[in-house]
C-alpha atoms as a PDB file:
ATOM      1  CA  MET A   1      -7.031 -17.775 -17.530  1.00  0.00           C
ATOM      2  CA  MET A   2      -5.818 -17.800 -13.737  1.00  0.00           C
ATOM      3  CA  ARG A   3      -5.621 -21.079 -12.214  1.00  0.00           C
ATOM      4  CA  LEU A   4      -7.496 -21.755  -8.902  1.00  0.00           C
ATOM      5  CA  ASP A   5      -6.886 -24.633  -6.847  1.00  0.00           C
ATOM      6  CA  GLY A   6     -10.071 -24.317  -4.703  1.00  0.00           C
ATOM      7  CA  VAL A   7     -11.870 -21.205  -3.145  1.00  0.00           C
ATOM      8  CA  VAL A   8     -10.189 -18.235  -3.097  1.00  0.00           C
ATOM      9  CA  ALA A   9     -11.494 -14.642  -2.139  1.00  0.00           C
ATOM     10  CA  ILE A  10     -10.416 -11.910  -4.143  1.00  0.00           C
ATOM     11  CA  GLU A  11     -11.750  -8.206  -3.108  1.00  0.00           C
ATOM     12  CA  PRO A  12     -12.704  -5.451  -5.580  1.00  0.00           C
ATOM     13  CA  ASN A  13     -10.086  -3.458  -7.281  1.00  0.00           C
ATOM     14  CA  VAL A  14      -7.481  -6.121  -7.437  1.00  0.00           C
ATOM     15  CA  ARG A  15      -5.161  -5.849 -10.902  1.00  0.00           C
ATOM     16  CA  LEU A  16      -4.368  -9.067 -12.536  1.00  0.00           C
ATOM     17  CA  ARG A  17      -1.681  -8.646 -15.528  1.00  0.00           C
ATOM     18  CA  PHE A  18      -1.054 -11.846 -17.517  1.00  0.00           C
ATOM     19  CA  ALA A  19      -3.374 -13.949 -15.322  1.00  0.00           C
ATOM     20  CA  GLU A  20      -2.622 -16.929 -17.351  1.00  0.00           C
ATOM     21  CA  HIS A  21       0.629 -17.012 -15.262  1.00  0.00           C
ATOM     22  CA  ILE A  22      -0.849 -16.846 -11.727  1.00  0.00           C
ATOM     23  CA  ARG A  23      -1.668 -19.687  -9.698  1.00  0.00           C
ATOM     24  CA  LEU A  24      -3.717 -19.263  -6.490  1.00  0.00           C
ATOM     25  CA  ALA A  25      -4.198 -22.387  -3.889  1.00  0.00           C
ATOM     26  CA  ARG A  26      -7.258 -22.778  -1.749  1.00  0.00           C
ATOM     27  CA  GLY A  27      -7.862 -20.298   0.919  1.00  0.00           C
ATOM     28  CA  VAL A  28      -5.715 -17.403  -0.662  1.00  0.00           C
ATOM     29  CA  TYR A  29      -6.999 -13.848  -0.036  1.00  0.00           C
ATOM     30  CA  LEU A  30      -6.147 -11.019  -2.151  1.00  0.00           C
ATOM     31  CA  ASP A  31      -7.154  -7.786  -0.485  1.00  0.00           C
ATOM     32  CA  GLU A  32      -8.455  -4.688  -2.276  1.00  0.00           C
ATOM     33  CA  GLY A  33      -6.015  -2.881  -4.602  1.00  0.00           C
ATOM     34  CA  VAL A  34      -3.418  -5.859  -4.785  1.00  0.00           C
ATOM     35  CA  TYR A  35      -1.347  -5.711  -8.036  1.00  0.00           C
ATOM     36  CA  LEU A  36      -0.235  -9.097  -9.510  1.00  0.00           C
ATOM     37  CA  HIS A  37       1.803  -8.693 -12.673  1.00  0.00           C
ATOM     38  CA  ALA A  38       2.855 -12.311 -13.915  1.00  0.00           C
ATOM     39  CA  THR A  39       4.859 -12.578 -16.886  1.00  0.00           C
ATOM     40  CA  PRO A  40       6.379 -16.189 -17.741  1.00  0.00           C
ATOM     41  CA  HIS A  41       7.372 -18.148 -14.809  1.00  0.00           C
ATOM     42  CA  GLY A  42       4.696 -16.401 -13.111  1.00  0.00           C
ATOM     43  CA  ILE A  43       3.313 -15.985  -9.650  1.00  0.00           C
ATOM     44  CA  GLU A  44       2.238 -18.898  -7.428  1.00  0.00           C
ATOM     45  CA  ILE A  45       0.866 -18.191  -4.096  1.00  0.00           C
ATOM     46  CA  GLY A  46       0.195 -21.200  -1.661  1.00  0.00           C
ATOM     47  CA  GLU A  47      -2.641 -22.214   0.659  1.00  0.00           C
ATOM     48  CA  ASN A  48      -4.374 -19.724   3.109  1.00  0.00           C
ATOM     49  CA  THR A  49      -1.956 -16.968   2.393  1.00  0.00           C
ATOM     50  CA  PHE A  50      -2.914 -13.529   2.485  1.00  0.00           C
ATOM     51  CA  VAL A  51      -1.875 -10.707   0.494  1.00  0.00           C
ATOM     52  CA  MET A  52      -3.085  -7.285   2.007  1.00  0.00           C
ATOM     53  CA  HIS A  53      -4.361  -4.235   0.409  1.00  0.00           C
ATOM     54  CA  HIS A  54      -2.054  -2.339  -2.023  1.00  0.00           C
ATOM     55  CA  ALA A  55       0.681  -4.958  -2.120  1.00  0.00           C
ATOM     56  CA  GLU A  56       2.457  -5.627  -5.595  1.00  0.00           C
ATOM     57  CA  LEU A  57       3.864  -8.625  -6.873  1.00  0.00           C
ATOM     58  CA  HIS A  58       5.642  -7.766  -9.963  1.00  0.00           C
ATOM     59  CA  VAL A  59       7.396 -10.000 -12.263  1.00  0.00           C
ATOM     60  CA  TYR A  60       8.446  -7.922 -15.569  1.00  0.00           C
ATOM     61  CA  ASN A  61      10.954 -10.058 -17.521  1.00  0.00           C
ATOM     62  CA  PHE A  62      11.555  -8.341 -20.972  1.00  0.00           C
ATOM     63  CA  ARG A  63      15.261  -9.565 -20.720  1.00  0.00           C
ATOM     64  CA  ASN A  64      14.306 -13.142 -20.670  1.00  0.00           C
ATOM     65  CA  LEU A  65      15.677 -14.005 -17.230  1.00  0.00           C
ATOM     66  CA  PRO A  66      15.987 -17.612 -16.307  1.00  0.00           C
ATOM     67  CA  LYS A  67      14.683 -17.643 -12.871  1.00  0.00           C
ATOM     68  CA  ALA A  68      12.178 -14.695 -13.030  1.00  0.00           C
ATOM     69  CA  GLY A  69       8.871 -15.725 -10.860  1.00  0.00           C
ATOM     70  CA  ILE A  70       7.375 -15.341  -7.365  1.00  0.00           C
ATOM     71  CA  LYS A  71       6.499 -18.271  -5.213  1.00  0.00           C
ATOM     72  CA  ILE A  72       4.752 -18.037  -2.036  1.00  0.00           C
ATOM     73  CA  GLY A  73       4.383 -20.804   0.455  1.00  0.00           C
ATOM     74  CA  LYS A  74       1.343 -21.695   2.545  1.00  0.00           C
ATOM     75  CA  ASN A  75      -0.206 -19.572   5.599  1.00  0.00           C
ATOM     76  CA  CYS A  76       1.965 -16.688   4.866  1.00  0.00           C
ATOM     77  CA  LEU A  77       0.975 -13.129   5.221  1.00  0.00           C
ATOM     78  CA  ILE A  78       2.110 -10.376   2.781  1.00  0.00           C
ATOM     79  CA  SER A  79       1.303  -7.163   4.381  1.00  0.00           C
ATOM     80  CA  GLU A  80      -0.095  -3.765   3.080  1.00  0.00           C
ATOM     81  CA  PHE A  81       1.942  -2.004   0.637  1.00  0.00           C
ATOM     82  CA  ASN A  82       4.686  -4.568   0.228  1.00  0.00           C
ATOM     83  CA  VAL A  83       6.587  -4.296  -3.186  1.00  0.00           C
ATOM     84  CA  LEU A  84       8.290  -7.803  -4.410  1.00  0.00           C
ATOM     85  CA  ARG A  85      10.116  -7.689  -7.533  1.00  0.00           C
ATOM     86  CA  GLY A  86      10.692 -10.977  -9.193  1.00  0.00           C
ATOM     87  CA  GLN A  87      12.894 -10.509 -11.831  1.00  0.00           C
ATOM     88  CA  GLY A  88      15.502 -12.880 -10.511  1.00  0.00           C
ATOM     89  CA  GLY A  89      13.131 -15.029  -8.580  1.00  0.00           C
ATOM     90  CA  ILE A  90      11.595 -14.781  -5.099  1.00  0.00           C
ATOM     91  CA  THR A  91      10.933 -17.829  -3.075  1.00  0.00           C
ATOM     92  CA  ILE A  92       9.123 -17.535   0.046  1.00  0.00           C
ATOM     93  CA  GLY A  93       8.542 -20.485   2.291  1.00  0.00           C
ATOM     94  CA  ASP A  94       5.728 -21.555   4.596  1.00  0.00           C
ATOM     95  CA  ASN A  95       4.543 -19.509   7.661  1.00  0.00           C
ATOM     96  CA  VAL A  96       6.194 -16.288   6.652  1.00  0.00           C
ATOM     97  CA  TYR A  97       4.925 -12.975   7.742  1.00  0.00           C
ATOM     98  CA  THR A  98       5.868  -9.566   6.395  1.00  0.00           C
ATOM     99  CA  ALA A  99       4.976  -6.051   8.022  1.00  0.00           C
ATOM    100  CA  PRO A 100       3.682  -3.346   5.902  1.00  0.00           C
ATOM    101  CA  LEU A 101       6.066  -1.387   3.635  1.00  0.00           C
ATOM    102  CA  VAL A 102       8.358  -4.413   2.889  1.00  0.00           C
ATOM    103  CA  GLN A 103      10.339  -4.389  -0.210  1.00  0.00           C
ATOM    104  CA  MET A 104      12.126  -7.592  -1.908  1.00  0.00           C
ATOM    105  CA  ALA A 105      14.021  -6.414  -5.062  1.00  0.00           C
ATOM    106  CA  ALA A 106      15.552  -9.469  -7.008  1.00  0.00           C
ATOM    107  CA  ILE A 107      17.448  -7.471  -9.490  1.00  0.00           C
ATOM    108  CA  ASN A 108      20.076  -4.951  -9.206  1.00  0.00           C
ATOM    109  CA  HIS A 109      21.862  -2.714 -11.848  1.00  0.00           C
ATOM    110  CA  VAL A 110      25.593  -2.981 -12.626  1.00  0.00           C
ATOM    111  CA  TYR A 111      27.250   0.446 -12.033  1.00  0.00           C
ATOM    112  CA  ALA A 112      31.003  -0.289 -12.433  1.00  0.00           C
ATOM    113  CA  ASP A 113      31.842   1.861 -15.203  1.00  0.00           C
ATOM    114  CA  PRO A 114      31.603   5.588 -14.552  1.00  0.00           C
ATOM    115  CA  ASN A 115      31.971   6.552 -18.156  1.00  0.00           C
ATOM    116  CA  ALA A 116      28.792   4.529 -19.082  1.00  0.00           C
ATOM    117  CA  ALA A 117      25.235   5.199 -18.217  1.00  0.00           C
ATOM    118  CA  ILE A 118      23.832   2.792 -15.910  1.00  0.00           C
ATOM    119  CA  ILE A 119      20.994   1.895 -18.064  1.00  0.00           C
ATOM    120  CA  GLN A 120      23.587   0.539 -20.346  1.00  0.00           C
ATOM    121  CA  GLN A 121      25.570  -1.578 -17.991  1.00  0.00           C
ATOM    122  CA  GLY A 122      23.109  -4.362 -17.709  1.00  0.00           C
ATOM    123  CA  ILE A 123      21.539  -6.014 -14.579  1.00  0.00           C
ATOM    124  CA  THR A 124      21.886  -8.737 -12.042  1.00  0.00           C
ATOM    125  CA  ALA A 125      19.075 -11.069 -11.036  1.00  0.00           C
ATOM    126  CA  GLN A 126      20.019 -13.595  -8.592  1.00  0.00           C
ATOM    127  CA  GLY A 127      17.064 -13.968  -6.661  1.00  0.00           C
ATOM    128  CA  ILE A 128      16.062 -13.901  -3.049  1.00  0.00           C
ATOM    129  CA  VAL A 129      15.025 -16.809  -0.695  1.00  0.00           C
ATOM    130  CA  ILE A 130      12.922 -16.383   2.721  1.00  0.00           C
ATOM    131  CA  GLU A 131      12.916 -19.772   4.401  1.00  0.00           C
ATOM    132  CA  ASP A 132      10.113 -21.159   6.556  1.00  0.00           C
ATOM    133  CA  ASP A 133       8.814 -19.244   9.732  1.00  0.00           C
ATOM    134  CA  ALA A 134      10.592 -16.083   9.001  1.00  0.00           C
ATOM    135  CA  TRP A 135       9.426 -12.437  10.038  1.00  0.00           C
ATOM    136  CA  ILE A 136      10.141  -9.450   8.026  1.00  0.00           C
ATOM    137  CA  GLY A 137       9.677  -6.172  10.085  1.00  0.00           C
ATOM    138  CA  ALA A 138       7.997  -2.829   8.840  1.00  0.00           C
ATOM    139  CA  GLY A 139       9.895  -1.099   6.035  1.00  0.00           C
ATOM    140  CA  ALA A 140      12.593  -3.961   5.910  1.00  0.00           C
ATOM    141  CA  ILE A 141      14.476  -3.917   2.235  1.00  0.00           C
ATOM    142  CA  ILE A 142      15.756  -7.306   1.077  1.00  0.00           C
ATOM    143  CA  LEU A 143      18.272  -7.120  -1.792  1.00  0.00           C
ATOM    144  CA  ASP A 144      19.038  -9.191  -4.625  1.00  0.00           C
ATOM    145  CA  GLY A 145      21.076 -12.205  -3.741  1.00  0.00           C
ATOM    146  CA  VAL A 146      19.989 -12.639  -0.118  1.00  0.00           C
ATOM    147  CA  ARG A 147      18.564 -15.878   1.624  1.00  0.00           C
ATOM    148  CA  VAL A 148      16.802 -15.302   4.968  1.00  0.00           C
ATOM    149  CA  GLY A 149      17.203 -18.580   6.864  1.00  0.00           C
ATOM    150  CA  LYS A 150      14.425 -20.347   8.833  1.00  0.00           C
ATOM    151  CA  GLY A 151      13.006 -18.636  11.790  1.00  0.00           C
ATOM    152  CA  ALA A 152      15.168 -15.470  11.417  1.00  0.00           C
ATOM    153  CA  VAL A 153      13.768 -11.955  12.315  1.00  0.00           C
ATOM    154  CA  VAL A 154      14.828  -9.072  10.075  1.00  0.00           C
ATOM    155  CA  ALA A 155      13.915  -5.789  12.306  1.00  0.00           C
ATOM    156  CA  ALA A 156      11.964  -2.960  11.116  1.00  0.00           C
ATOM    157  CA  GLY A 157      13.780  -0.540   8.621  1.00  0.00           C
ATOM    158  CA  ALA A 158      16.749  -2.976   8.003  1.00  0.00           C
ATOM    159  CA  VAL A 159      18.359  -3.118   4.633  1.00  0.00           C
ATOM    160  CA  VAL A 160      19.722  -6.998   4.154  1.00  0.00           C
ATOM    161  CA  THR A 161      22.443  -7.044   1.895  1.00  0.00           C
ATOM    162  CA  GLN A 162      23.898 -10.366   2.888  1.00  0.00           C
ATOM    163  CA  ASP A 163      22.497 -13.727   4.026  1.00  0.00           C
ATOM    164  CA  VAL A 164      20.580 -14.063   7.283  1.00  0.00           C
ATOM    165  CA  PRO A 165      21.676 -17.305   9.270  1.00  0.00           C
ATOM    166  CA  PRO A 166      18.695 -19.177  10.490  1.00  0.00           C
ATOM    167  CA  HIS A 167      17.179 -18.203  13.994  1.00  0.00           C
ATOM    168  CA  THR A 168      18.798 -15.132  14.164  1.00  0.00           C
ATOM    169  CA  ILE A 169      17.771 -11.296  14.599  1.00  0.00           C
ATOM    170  CA  VAL A 170      19.072  -8.870  12.066  1.00  0.00           C
ATOM    171  CA  GLY A 171      18.815  -5.228  12.044  1.00  0.00           C
ATOM    172  CA  GLY A 172      20.474  -1.883  10.904  1.00  0.00           C
ATOM    173  CA  VAL A 173      21.604  -0.168   7.702  1.00  0.00           C
ATOM    174  CA  PRO A 174      23.404  -2.512   6.440  1.00  0.00           C
ATOM    175  CA  ALA A 175      21.626  -5.264   8.596  1.00  0.00           C
ATOM    176  CA  LYS A 176      23.878  -7.196  10.893  1.00  0.00           C
ATOM    177  CA  VAL A 177      23.215  -9.905  13.552  1.00  0.00           C
ATOM    178  CA  LEU A 178      21.944  -8.428  16.566  1.00  0.00           C
ATOM    179  CA  ARG A 179      21.490 -11.945  18.548  1.00  0.00           C
ATOM    180  CA  THR A 180      20.671 -15.657  18.045  1.00  0.00           C
ATOM    181  CA  ILE A 181      16.995 -16.930  18.807  1.00  0.00           C
ATOM    182  CA  ASP A 182      18.312 -19.915  21.163  1.00  0.00           C
ATOM    183  CA  GLY A 183      15.512 -20.061  23.737  1.00  0.00           C
ATOM    184  CA  THR A 184      17.689 -17.968  26.196  1.00  0.00           C
ATOM    185  CA  MET A 185      15.921 -14.668  25.363  1.00  0.00           C
ATOM    186  CA  ALA A 186      13.826 -13.209  28.734  1.00  0.00           C
ATOM    187  CA  ALA A 187      10.276 -13.892  28.651  1.00  0.00           C
ATOM    188  CA  SER A 188       8.247 -10.800  27.428  1.00  0.00           C
ATOM    189  CA  ARG A 189       6.860  -8.239  29.960  1.00  0.00           C
ATOM    190  CA  VAL A 190       3.731  -7.617  27.769  1.00  0.00           C
ATOM    191  CA  PRO A 191       0.933  -9.977  27.255  1.00  0.00           C
ATOM    192  CA  VAL A 192       1.390 -12.683  24.551  1.00  0.00           C
ATOM    193  CA  TYR A 193      -1.618 -13.656  22.465  1.00  0.00           C
ATOM    194  CA  PHE A 194      -2.222 -16.722  20.684  1.00  0.00           C
ATOM    195  CA  GLU A 195      -4.556 -18.222  17.883  1.00  0.00           C
ATOM    196  CA  ARG A 196      -7.501 -20.059  19.164  1.00  0.00           C
END
């Protein structure tokens, strides 16, 4: 049975696989069509985190991988149609926002031997860490072994293959540092809105 640490909101058509390995904190919201697949080490979602429609959090661990699992902190937003593959482990800090269509793949195939089929060469599963206060733009892809530092921004469409330093903006394919967030950026020319 799924573990709930308070009142949560779960919309219709949410699919839960291996619910006994899922833990939801108070205030979690699972939107319509969300799919959670949580084999051992499971999925843990922190307080007041929203997982939006058709997002997929998937931990498929038929190889007994030691770090498999997905842990999401509090006050996060996992947007529409995100895919998180947690075979190598995904840890997301607090106050992290992902835009639609983000992918995180904490697994990779070995393909060094041209004389062997890729499916026979094994996998790596180093894991992914997204530190507090990061923002991942629409369609960005975060690959296995990457750490996105605190307060970093990953631009839309970026493919992140290396660690992202804290308080930087990265973009491109492969992603490279575009600038540092150091308080010297010009003020926005468009209206800025805040929560009340």
